[in-house]
Amino acid sequence: MHRITKIFFVVDHCYVIDGWPGDRLLITDRGGYLNLLTSAVTFRLAKSEEAVARSYRDAALDYLAQGQLSCGPQRTKDLGGRIFEIFYSCDAQS
């Protein structure tokens, strides 16, 4: 499947979501290259506070809830610099 990139707003906060349908999401904020630079320079060791991580997970769940499938997170990786990779699986609704 093809990767999908979308801008997604949750409670006046903007997220950028790269999605691999049925597999995983890569979610960050508008920091873009700054987030990527932080992640690379710190070798992905700069982890976010739990409240920040939770807000990104919640935004990803809201994004997934908009689809026609019932999806749930399997695991989340903090890649540093406010970049999160969220693996998920979906079940078709009957």
PDB file of N, CA and C in Angstrom:
ATOM      1  N   MET A   1       0.830  -1.184   0.000  1.00  0.00           N
ATOM      2  CA  MET A   1       0.000   0.000   0.000  1.00  0.00           C
ATOM      3  C   MET A   1       0.873   1.245   0.000  1.00  0.00           C
ATOM      4  N   HIS A   2       0.259   2.342  -0.395  1.00  0.00           N
ATOM      5  CA  HIS A   2       0.974   3.600  -0.477  1.00  0.00           C
ATOM      6  C   HIS A   2       0.923   4.358   0.840  1.00  0.00           C
ATOM      7  N   ARG A   3       1.969   5.102   1.097  1.00  0.00           N
ATOM      8  CA  ARG A   3       2.033   5.950   2.287  1.00  0.00           C
ATOM      9  C   ARG A   3       1.153   7.166   2.075  1.00  0.00           C
ATOM     10  N   ILE A   4       0.471   7.599   3.142  1.00  0.00           N
ATOM     11  CA  ILE A   4      -0.436   8.740   3.097  1.00  0.00           C
ATOM     12  C   ILE A   4       0.049   9.775   4.108  1.00  0.00           C
ATOM     13  N   THR A   5       0.177  11.032   3.686  1.00  0.00           N
ATOM     14  CA  THR A   5       0.569  12.111   4.588  1.00  0.00           C
ATOM     15  C   THR A   5      -0.603  13.068   4.742  1.00  0.00           C
ATOM     16  N   LYS A   6      -0.950  13.390   5.998  1.00  0.00           N
ATOM     17  CA  LYS A   6      -2.066  14.299   6.271  1.00  0.00           C
ATOM     18  C   LYS A   6      -1.698  15.249   7.400  1.00  0.00           C
ATOM     19  N   ILE A   7      -2.316  16.416   7.358  1.00  0.00           N
ATOM     20  CA  ILE A   7      -2.243  17.352   8.475  1.00  0.00           C
ATOM     21  C   ILE A   7      -3.524  17.143   9.268  1.00  0.00           C
ATOM     22  N   PHE A   8      -3.386  17.021  10.586  1.00  0.00           N
ATOM     23  CA  PHE A   8      -4.509  16.646  11.438  1.00  0.00           C
ATOM     24  C   PHE A   8      -4.533  17.576  12.636  1.00  0.00           C
ATOM     25  N   PHE A   9      -5.702  18.168  12.933  1.00  0.00           N
ATOM     26  CA  PHE A   9      -5.846  19.086  14.059  1.00  0.00           C
ATOM     27  C   PHE A   9      -6.632  18.423  15.186  1.00  0.00           C
ATOM     28  N   VAL A  10      -6.120  18.538  16.406  1.00  0.00           N
ATOM     29  CA  VAL A  10      -6.809  18.072  17.607  1.00  0.00           C
ATOM     30  C   VAL A  10      -6.678  19.182  18.647  1.00  0.00           C
ATOM     31  N   VAL A  11      -7.795  19.703  19.090  1.00  0.00           N
ATOM     32  CA  VAL A  11      -7.845  20.767  20.105  1.00  0.00           C
ATOM     33  C   VAL A  11      -6.804  21.855  19.800  1.00  0.00           C
ATOM     34  N   ASP A  12      -6.906  22.441  18.625  1.00  0.00           N
ATOM     35  CA  ASP A  12      -6.050  23.545  18.189  1.00  0.00           C
ATOM     36  C   ASP A  12      -4.565  23.211  18.135  1.00  0.00           C
ATOM     37  N   HIS A  13      -4.209  21.937  18.075  1.00  0.00           N
ATOM     38  CA  HIS A  13      -2.812  21.541  17.915  1.00  0.00           C
ATOM     39  C   HIS A  13      -2.686  20.817  16.586  1.00  0.00           C
ATOM     40  N   CYS A  14      -1.691  21.190  15.812  1.00  0.00           N
ATOM     41  CA  CYS A  14      -1.504  20.634  14.482  1.00  0.00           C
ATOM     42  C   CYS A  14      -0.490  19.485  14.530  1.00  0.00           C
ATOM     43  N   TYR A  15      -0.862  18.366  13.929  1.00  0.00           N
ATOM     44  CA  TYR A  15       0.028  17.214  13.811  1.00  0.00           C
ATOM     45  C   TYR A  15       0.183  16.877  12.335  1.00  0.00           C
ATOM     46  N   VAL A  16       1.334  16.338  11.983  1.00  0.00           N
ATOM     47  CA  VAL A  16       1.550  15.806  10.648  1.00  0.00           C
ATOM     48  C   VAL A  16       1.656  14.297  10.810  1.00  0.00           C
ATOM     49  N   ILE A  17       0.852  13.575  10.035  1.00  0.00           N
ATOM     50  CA  ILE A  17       0.799  12.124  10.157  1.00  0.00           C
ATOM     51  C   ILE A  17       1.157  11.488   8.829  1.00  0.00           C
ATOM     52  N   ASP A  18       2.194  10.679   8.850  1.00  0.00           N
ATOM     53  CA  ASP A  18       2.526   9.816   7.715  1.00  0.00           C
ATOM     54  C   ASP A  18       1.968   8.457   8.068  1.00  0.00           C
ATOM     55  N   GLY A  19       1.137   7.917   7.213  1.00  0.00           N
ATOM     56  CA  GLY A  19       0.516   6.640   7.523  1.00  0.00           C
ATOM     57  C   GLY A  19       0.828   5.577   6.497  1.00  0.00           C
ATOM     58  N   TRP A  20       1.086   4.396   6.991  1.00  0.00           N
ATOM     59  CA  TRP A  20       1.185   3.207   6.173  1.00  0.00           C
ATOM     60  C   TRP A  20      -0.063   2.416   6.524  1.00  0.00           C
ATOM     61  N   PRO A  21      -1.111   2.509   5.700  1.00  0.00           N
ATOM     62  CA  PRO A  21      -2.417   1.931   6.050  1.00  0.00           C
ATOM     63  C   PRO A  21      -2.335   0.482   6.526  1.00  0.00           C
ATOM     64  N   GLY A  22      -2.990   0.240   7.680  1.00  0.00           N
ATOM     65  CA  GLY A  22      -3.060  -1.102   8.251  1.00  0.00           C
ATOM     66  C   GLY A  22      -1.812  -1.537   8.976  1.00  0.00           C
ATOM     67  N   ASP A  23      -0.843  -0.604   9.152  1.00  0.00           N
ATOM     68  CA  ASP A  23       0.435  -0.995   9.743  1.00  0.00           C
ATOM     69  C   ASP A  23       0.909  -0.029  10.822  1.00  0.00           C
ATOM     70  N   ARG A  24       1.238   1.203  10.418  1.00  0.00           N
ATOM     71  CA  ARG A  24       1.816   2.139  11.383  1.00  0.00           C
ATOM     72  C   ARG A  24       1.608   3.586  10.944  1.00  0.00           C
ATOM     73  N   LEU A  25       1.763   4.462  11.932  1.00  0.00           N
ATOM     74  CA  LEU A  25       1.714   5.905  11.724  1.00  0.00           C
ATOM     75  C   LEU A  25       3.004   6.511  12.234  1.00  0.00           C
ATOM     76  N   LEU A  26       3.474   7.527  11.563  1.00  0.00           N
ATOM     77  CA  LEU A  26       4.575   8.346  12.043  1.00  0.00           C
ATOM     78  C   LEU A  26       3.942   9.704  12.290  1.00  0.00           C
ATOM     79  N   ILE A  27       3.978  10.186  13.531  1.00  0.00           N
ATOM     80  CA  ILE A  27       3.282  11.424  13.885  1.00  0.00           C
ATOM     81  C   ILE A  27       4.262  12.401  14.523  1.00  0.00           C
ATOM     82  N   THR A  28       4.167  13.660  14.098  1.00  0.00           N
ATOM     83  CA  THR A  28       5.000  14.729  14.637  1.00  0.00           C
ATOM     84  C   THR A  28       4.170  16.008  14.631  1.00  0.00           C
ATOM     85  N   ASP A  29       4.776  17.099  15.059  1.00  0.00           N
ATOM     86  CA  ASP A  29       4.057  18.369  15.005  1.00  0.00           C
ATOM     87  C   ASP A  29       4.642  19.207  13.875  1.00  0.00           C
ATOM     88  N   ARG A  30       4.334  20.489  13.856  1.00  0.00           N
ATOM     89  CA  ARG A  30       4.789  21.348  12.763  1.00  0.00           C
ATOM     90  C   ARG A  30       6.282  21.663  12.841  1.00  0.00           C
ATOM     91  N   GLY A  31       6.995  21.098  13.798  1.00  0.00           N
ATOM     92  CA  GLY A  31       8.427  21.350  13.927  1.00  0.00           C
ATOM     93  C   GLY A  31       9.248  20.783  12.795  1.00  0.00           C
ATOM     94  N   GLY A  32       8.690  19.830  12.058  1.00  0.00           N
ATOM     95  CA  GLY A  32       9.286  19.279  10.850  1.00  0.00           C
ATOM     96  C   GLY A  32      10.767  18.984  10.941  1.00  0.00           C
ATOM     97  N   TYR A  33      11.553  19.772  10.208  1.00  0.00           N
ATOM     98  CA  TYR A  33      12.995  19.532  10.129  1.00  0.00           C
ATOM     99  C   TYR A  33      13.696  19.699  11.471  1.00  0.00           C
ATOM    100  N   LEU A  34      13.212  20.617  12.320  1.00  0.00           N
ATOM    101  CA  LEU A  34      13.801  20.792  13.646  1.00  0.00           C
ATOM    102  C   LEU A  34      13.622  19.521  14.470  1.00  0.00           C
ATOM    103  N   ASN A  35      12.425  18.908  14.391  1.00  0.00           N
ATOM    104  CA  ASN A  35      12.188  17.646  15.094  1.00  0.00           C
ATOM    105  C   ASN A  35      13.109  16.552  14.564  1.00  0.00           C
ATOM    106  N   LEU A  36      13.245  16.487  13.247  1.00  0.00           N
ATOM    107  CA  LEU A  36      14.116  15.481  12.637  1.00  0.00           C
ATOM    108  C   LEU A  36      15.569  15.697  13.038  1.00  0.00           C
ATOM    109  N   LEU A  37      16.013  16.938  13.060  1.00  0.00           N
ATOM    110  CA  LEU A  37      17.381  17.253  13.468  1.00  0.00           C
ATOM    111  C   LEU A  37      17.613  16.866  14.925  1.00  0.00           C
ATOM    112  N   THR A  38      16.669  17.189  15.804  1.00  0.00           N
ATOM    113  CA  THR A  38      16.783  16.819  17.223  1.00  0.00           C
ATOM    114  C   THR A  38      16.879  15.314  17.377  1.00  0.00           C
ATOM    115  N   SER A  39      16.049  14.591  16.642  1.00  0.00           N
ATOM    116  CA  SER A  39      16.063  13.131  16.703  1.00  0.00           C
ATOM    117  C   SER A  39      17.413  12.577  16.245  1.00  0.00           C
ATOM    118  N   ALA A  40      17.930  13.111  15.147  1.00  0.00           N
ATOM    119  CA  ALA A  40      19.197  12.611  14.599  1.00  0.00           C
ATOM    120  C   ALA A  40      20.386  12.962  15.492  1.00  0.00           C
ATOM    121  N   VAL A  41      20.461  14.219  15.958  1.00  0.00           N
ATOM    122  CA  VAL A  41      21.595  14.677  16.761  1.00  0.00           C
ATOM    123  C   VAL A  41      21.675  13.935  18.096  1.00  0.00           C
ATOM    124  N   THR A  42      20.524  13.602  18.664  1.00  0.00           N
ATOM    125  CA  THR A  42      20.516  12.914  19.961  1.00  0.00           C
ATOM    126  C   THR A  42      20.467  11.392  19.811  1.00  0.00           C
ATOM    127  N   PHE A  43      20.620  10.921  18.552  1.00  0.00           N
ATOM    128  CA  PHE A  43      20.567   9.474  18.274  1.00  0.00           C
ATOM    129  C   PHE A  43      19.284   8.853  18.820  1.00  0.00           C
ATOM    130  N   ARG A  44      18.170   9.613  18.709  1.00  0.00           N
ATOM    131  CA  ARG A  44      16.830   9.194  19.155  1.00  0.00           C
ATOM    132  C   ARG A  44      16.746   8.973  20.666  1.00  0.00           C
ATOM    133  N   LEU A  45      17.666   9.574  21.415  1.00  0.00           N
ATOM    134  CA  LEU A  45      17.677   9.407  22.867  1.00  0.00           C
ATOM    135  C   LEU A  45      16.916  10.513  23.597  1.00  0.00           C
ATOM    136  N   ALA A  46      16.578  11.607  22.909  1.00  0.00           N
ATOM    137  CA  ALA A  46      15.847  12.721  23.531  1.00  0.00           C
ATOM    138  C   ALA A  46      14.377  12.340  23.597  1.00  0.00           C
ATOM    139  N   LYS A  47      13.968  11.756  24.686  1.00  0.00           N
ATOM    140  CA  LYS A  47      12.590  11.279  24.830  1.00  0.00           C
ATOM    141  C   LYS A  47      11.687  12.379  25.364  1.00  0.00           C
ATOM    142  N   SER A  48      10.440  12.326  24.979  1.00  0.00           N
ATOM    143  CA  SER A  48       9.449  13.317  25.393  1.00  0.00           C
ATOM    144  C   SER A  48       8.913  12.996  26.782  1.00  0.00           C
ATOM    145  N   GLU A  49       8.406  14.023  27.449  1.00  0.00           N
ATOM    146  CA  GLU A  49       7.734  13.816  28.732  1.00  0.00           C
ATOM    147  C   GLU A  49       6.483  12.977  28.486  1.00  0.00           C
ATOM    148  N   GLU A  50       6.017  12.282  29.507  1.00  0.00           N
ATOM    149  CA  GLU A  50       4.867  11.393  29.356  1.00  0.00           C
ATOM    150  C   GLU A  50       3.620  12.133  28.877  1.00  0.00           C
ATOM    151  N   ALA A  51       3.404  13.358  29.356  1.00  0.00           N
ATOM    152  CA  ALA A  51       2.223  14.122  28.935  1.00  0.00           C
ATOM    153  C   ALA A  51       2.277  14.421  27.436  1.00  0.00           C
ATOM    154  N   VAL A  52       3.455  14.718  26.920  1.00  0.00           N
ATOM    155  CA  VAL A  52       3.618  14.983  25.487  1.00  0.00           C
ATOM    156  C   VAL A  52       3.388  13.694  24.704  1.00  0.00           C
ATOM    157  N   ALA A  53       4.000  12.609  25.146  1.00  0.00           N
ATOM    158  CA  ALA A  53       3.829  11.320  24.477  1.00  0.00           C
ATOM    159  C   ALA A  53       2.353  10.920  24.450  1.00  0.00           C
ATOM    160  N   ARG A  54       1.666  11.135  25.547  1.00  0.00           N
ATOM    161  CA  ARG A  54       0.243  10.791  25.627  1.00  0.00           C
ATOM    162  C   ARG A  54      -0.571  11.613  24.632  1.00  0.00           C
ATOM    163  N   SER A  55      -0.255  12.908  24.490  1.00  0.00           N
ATOM    164  CA  SER A  55      -1.013  13.747  23.557  1.00  0.00           C
ATOM    165  C   SER A  55      -0.836  13.272  22.117  1.00  0.00           C
ATOM    166  N   TYR A  56       0.351  12.799  21.772  1.00  0.00           N
ATOM    167  CA  TYR A  56       0.585  12.276  20.421  1.00  0.00           C
ATOM    168  C   TYR A  56      -0.136  10.943  20.218  1.00  0.00           C
ATOM    169  N   ARG A  57      -0.119  10.085  21.224  1.00  0.00           N
ATOM    170  CA  ARG A  57      -0.858   8.812  21.130  1.00  0.00           C
ATOM    171  C   ARG A  57      -2.352   9.076  20.993  1.00  0.00           C
ATOM    172  N   ASP A  58      -2.871  10.010  21.783  1.00  0.00           N
ATOM    173  CA  ASP A  58      -4.292  10.347  21.711  1.00  0.00           C
ATOM    174  C   ASP A  58      -4.659  10.907  20.333  1.00  0.00           C
ATOM    175  N   ALA A  59      -3.797  11.757  19.778  1.00  0.00           N
ATOM    176  CA  ALA A  59      -4.053  12.301  18.437  1.00  0.00           C
ATOM    177  C   ALA A  59      -4.056  11.182  17.399  1.00  0.00           C
ATOM    178  N   ALA A  60      -3.144  10.237  17.527  1.00  0.00           N
ATOM    179  CA  ALA A  60      -3.110   9.106  16.594  1.00  0.00           C
ATOM    180  C   ALA A  60      -4.370   8.265  16.711  1.00  0.00           C
ATOM    181  N   LEU A  61      -4.842   8.053  17.937  1.00  0.00           N
ATOM    182  CA  LEU A  61      -6.077   7.285  18.132  1.00  0.00           C
ATOM    183  C   LEU A  61      -7.282   8.021  17.545  1.00  0.00           C
ATOM    184  N   ASP A  62      -7.330   9.347  17.710  1.00  0.00           N
ATOM    185  CA  ASP A  62      -8.409  10.141  17.106  1.00  0.00           C
ATOM    186  C   ASP A  62      -8.362  10.020  15.580  1.00  0.00           C
ATOM    187  N   TYR A  63      -7.168  10.071  15.031  1.00  0.00           N
ATOM    188  CA  TYR A  63      -6.991   9.935  13.587  1.00  0.00           C
ATOM    189  C   TYR A  63      -7.481   8.568  13.105  1.00  0.00           C
ATOM    190  N   LEU A  64      -7.087   7.520  13.811  1.00  0.00           N
ATOM    191  CA  LEU A  64      -7.515   6.170  13.436  1.00  0.00           C
ATOM    192  C   LEU A  64      -9.025   5.992  13.572  1.00  0.00           C
ATOM    193  N   ALA A  65      -9.627   6.649  14.556  1.00  0.00           N
ATOM    194  CA  ALA A  65     -11.062   6.520  14.795  1.00  0.00           C
ATOM    195  C   ALA A  65     -11.892   7.095  13.654  1.00  0.00           C
ATOM    196  N   GLN A  66     -11.311   7.951  12.830  1.00  0.00           N
ATOM    197  CA  GLN A  66     -12.035   8.539  11.714  1.00  0.00           C
ATOM    198  C   GLN A  66     -12.212   7.563  10.551  1.00  0.00           C
ATOM    199  N   GLY A  67     -11.460   6.466  10.570  1.00  0.00           N
ATOM    200  CA  GLY A  67     -11.556   5.485   9.492  1.00  0.00           C
ATOM    201  C   GLY A  67     -12.769   4.596   9.636  1.00  0.00           C
ATOM    202  N   GLN A  68     -12.944   3.704   8.682  1.00  0.00           N
ATOM    203  CA  GLN A  68     -14.086   2.795   8.672  1.00  0.00           C
ATOM    204  C   GLN A  68     -13.780   1.485   9.399  1.00  0.00           C
ATOM    205  N   LEU A  69     -12.630   1.370  10.010  1.00  0.00           N
ATOM    206  CA  LEU A  69     -12.213   0.147  10.685  1.00  0.00           C
ATOM    207  C   LEU A  69     -12.051   0.389  12.173  1.00  0.00           C
ATOM    208  N   SER A  70     -12.106  -0.669  12.935  1.00  0.00           N
ATOM    209  CA  SER A  70     -11.834  -0.597  14.365  1.00  0.00           C
ATOM    210  C   SER A  70     -10.342  -0.885  14.553  1.00  0.00           C
ATOM    211  N   CYS A  71      -9.580   0.143  14.936  1.00  0.00           N
ATOM    212  CA  CYS A  71      -8.121   0.004  15.037  1.00  0.00           C
ATOM    213  C   CYS A  71      -7.652   0.241  16.467  1.00  0.00           C
ATOM    214  N   GLY A  72      -6.620  -0.446  16.846  1.00  0.00           N
ATOM    215  CA  GLY A  72      -6.038  -0.278  18.170  1.00  0.00           C
ATOM    216  C   GLY A  72      -4.525  -0.303  18.104  1.00  0.00           C
ATOM    217  N   PRO A  73      -3.881   0.485  18.956  1.00  0.00           N
ATOM    218  CA  PRO A  73      -2.417   0.534  18.959  1.00  0.00           C
ATOM    219  C   PRO A  73      -1.822  -0.766  19.493  1.00  0.00           C
ATOM    220  N   GLN A  74      -0.728  -1.183  18.903  1.00  0.00           N
ATOM    221  CA  GLN A  74      -0.001  -2.364  19.351  1.00  0.00           C
ATOM    222  C   GLN A  74       1.224  -1.963  20.166  1.00  0.00           C
ATOM    223  N   ARG A  75       1.941  -0.944  19.663  1.00  0.00           N
ATOM    224  CA  ARG A  75       3.078  -0.407  20.417  1.00  0.00           C
ATOM    225  C   ARG A  75       3.444   0.960  19.874  1.00  0.00           C
ATOM    226  N   THR A  76       4.102   1.731  20.724  1.00  0.00           N
ATOM    227  CA  THR A  76       4.509   3.090  20.376  1.00  0.00           C
ATOM    228  C   THR A  76       6.001   3.235  20.608  1.00  0.00           C
ATOM    229  N   LYS A  77       6.690   3.869  19.653  1.00  0.00           N
ATOM    230  CA  LYS A  77       8.120   4.155  19.795  1.00  0.00           C
ATOM    231  C   LYS A  77       8.325   5.662  19.768  1.00  0.00           C
ATOM    232  N   ASP A  78       8.995   6.187  20.785  1.00  0.00           N
ATOM    233  CA  ASP A  78       9.376   7.597  20.828  1.00  0.00           C
ATOM    234  C   ASP A  78      10.701   7.702  20.094  1.00  0.00           C
ATOM    235  N   LEU A  79      10.710   8.339  18.925  1.00  0.00           N
ATOM    236  CA  LEU A  79      11.922   8.452  18.118  1.00  0.00           C
ATOM    237  C   LEU A  79      12.728   9.700  18.443  1.00  0.00           C
ATOM    238  N   GLY A  80      12.331  10.411  19.500  1.00  0.00           N
ATOM    239  CA  GLY A  80      13.037  11.630  19.899  1.00  0.00           C
ATOM    240  C   GLY A  80      12.585  12.813  19.055  1.00  0.00           C
ATOM    241  N   GLY A  81      12.729  14.006  19.581  1.00  0.00           N
ATOM    242  CA  GLY A  81      12.382  15.211  18.830  1.00  0.00           C
ATOM    243  C   GLY A  81      10.913  15.324  18.506  1.00  0.00           C
ATOM    244  N   ARG A  82      10.055  14.804  19.373  1.00  0.00           N
ATOM    245  CA  ARG A  82       8.603  14.845  19.164  1.00  0.00           C
ATOM    246  C   ARG A  82       8.183  14.132  17.876  1.00  0.00           C
ATOM    247  N   ILE A  83       8.815  13.002  17.634  1.00  0.00           N
ATOM    248  CA  ILE A  83       8.440  12.129  16.522  1.00  0.00           C
ATOM    249  C   ILE A  83       8.117  10.771  17.125  1.00  0.00           C
ATOM    250  N   PHE A  84       6.926  10.270  16.807  1.00  0.00           N
ATOM    251  CA  PHE A  84       6.472   8.990  17.362  1.00  0.00           C
ATOM    252  C   PHE A  84       6.057   8.063  16.238  1.00  0.00           C
ATOM    253  N   GLU A  85       6.409   6.801  16.391  1.00  0.00           N
ATOM    254  CA  GLU A  85       5.972   5.764  15.463  1.00  0.00           C
ATOM    255  C   GLU A  85       4.985   4.884  16.219  1.00  0.00           C
ATOM    256  N   ILE A  86       3.779   4.782  15.684  1.00  0.00           N
ATOM    257  CA  ILE A  86       2.717   4.033  16.362  1.00  0.00           C
ATOM    258  C   ILE A  86       2.289   2.889  15.453  1.00  0.00           C
ATOM    259  N   PHE A  87       2.521   1.678  15.922  1.00  0.00           N
ATOM    260  CA  PHE A  87       2.113   0.483  15.199  1.00  0.00           C
ATOM    261  C   PHE A  87       0.711   0.103  15.653  1.00  0.00           C
ATOM    262  N   TYR A  88      -0.146  -0.300  14.726  1.00  0.00           N
ATOM    263  CA  TYR A  88      -1.522  -0.625  15.078  1.00  0.00           C
ATOM    264  C   TYR A  88      -2.041  -1.759  14.192  1.00  0.00           C
ATOM    265  N   SER A  89      -3.162  -2.290  14.601  1.00  0.00           N
ATOM    266  CA  SER A  89      -3.848  -3.289  13.778  1.00  0.00           C
ATOM    267  C   SER A  89      -5.330  -2.949  13.752  1.00  0.00           C
ATOM    268  N   CYS A  90      -6.006  -3.387  12.697  1.00  0.00           N
ATOM    269  CA  CYS A  90      -7.419  -3.058  12.519  1.00  0.00           C
ATOM    270  C   CYS A  90      -8.221  -4.324  12.262  1.00  0.00           C
ATOM    271  N   ASP A  91      -9.471  -4.276  12.704  1.00  0.00           N
ATOM    272  CA  ASP A  91     -10.438  -5.323  12.422  1.00  0.00           C
ATOM    273  C   ASP A  91     -11.592  -4.696  11.661  1.00  0.00           C
ATOM    274  N   ALA A  92     -12.088  -5.378  10.650  1.00  0.00           N
ATOM    275  CA  ALA A  92     -13.235  -4.877   9.901  1.00  0.00           C
ATOM    276  C   ALA A  92     -14.475  -4.910  10.791  1.00  0.00           C
ATOM    277  N   GLN A  93     -15.251  -3.837  10.742  1.00  0.00           N
ATOM    278  CA  GLN A  93     -16.496  -3.783  11.506  1.00  0.00           C
ATOM    279  C   GLN A  93     -17.572  -4.507  10.727  1.00  0.00           C
ATOM    280  N   SER A  94     -18.446  -5.205  11.452  1.00  0.00           N
ATOM    281  CA  SER A  94     -19.527  -5.909  10.751  1.00  0.00           C
ATOM    282  C   SER A  94     -20.801  -5.121  10.736  1.00  0.00           C
TER     283      SER A  94
END
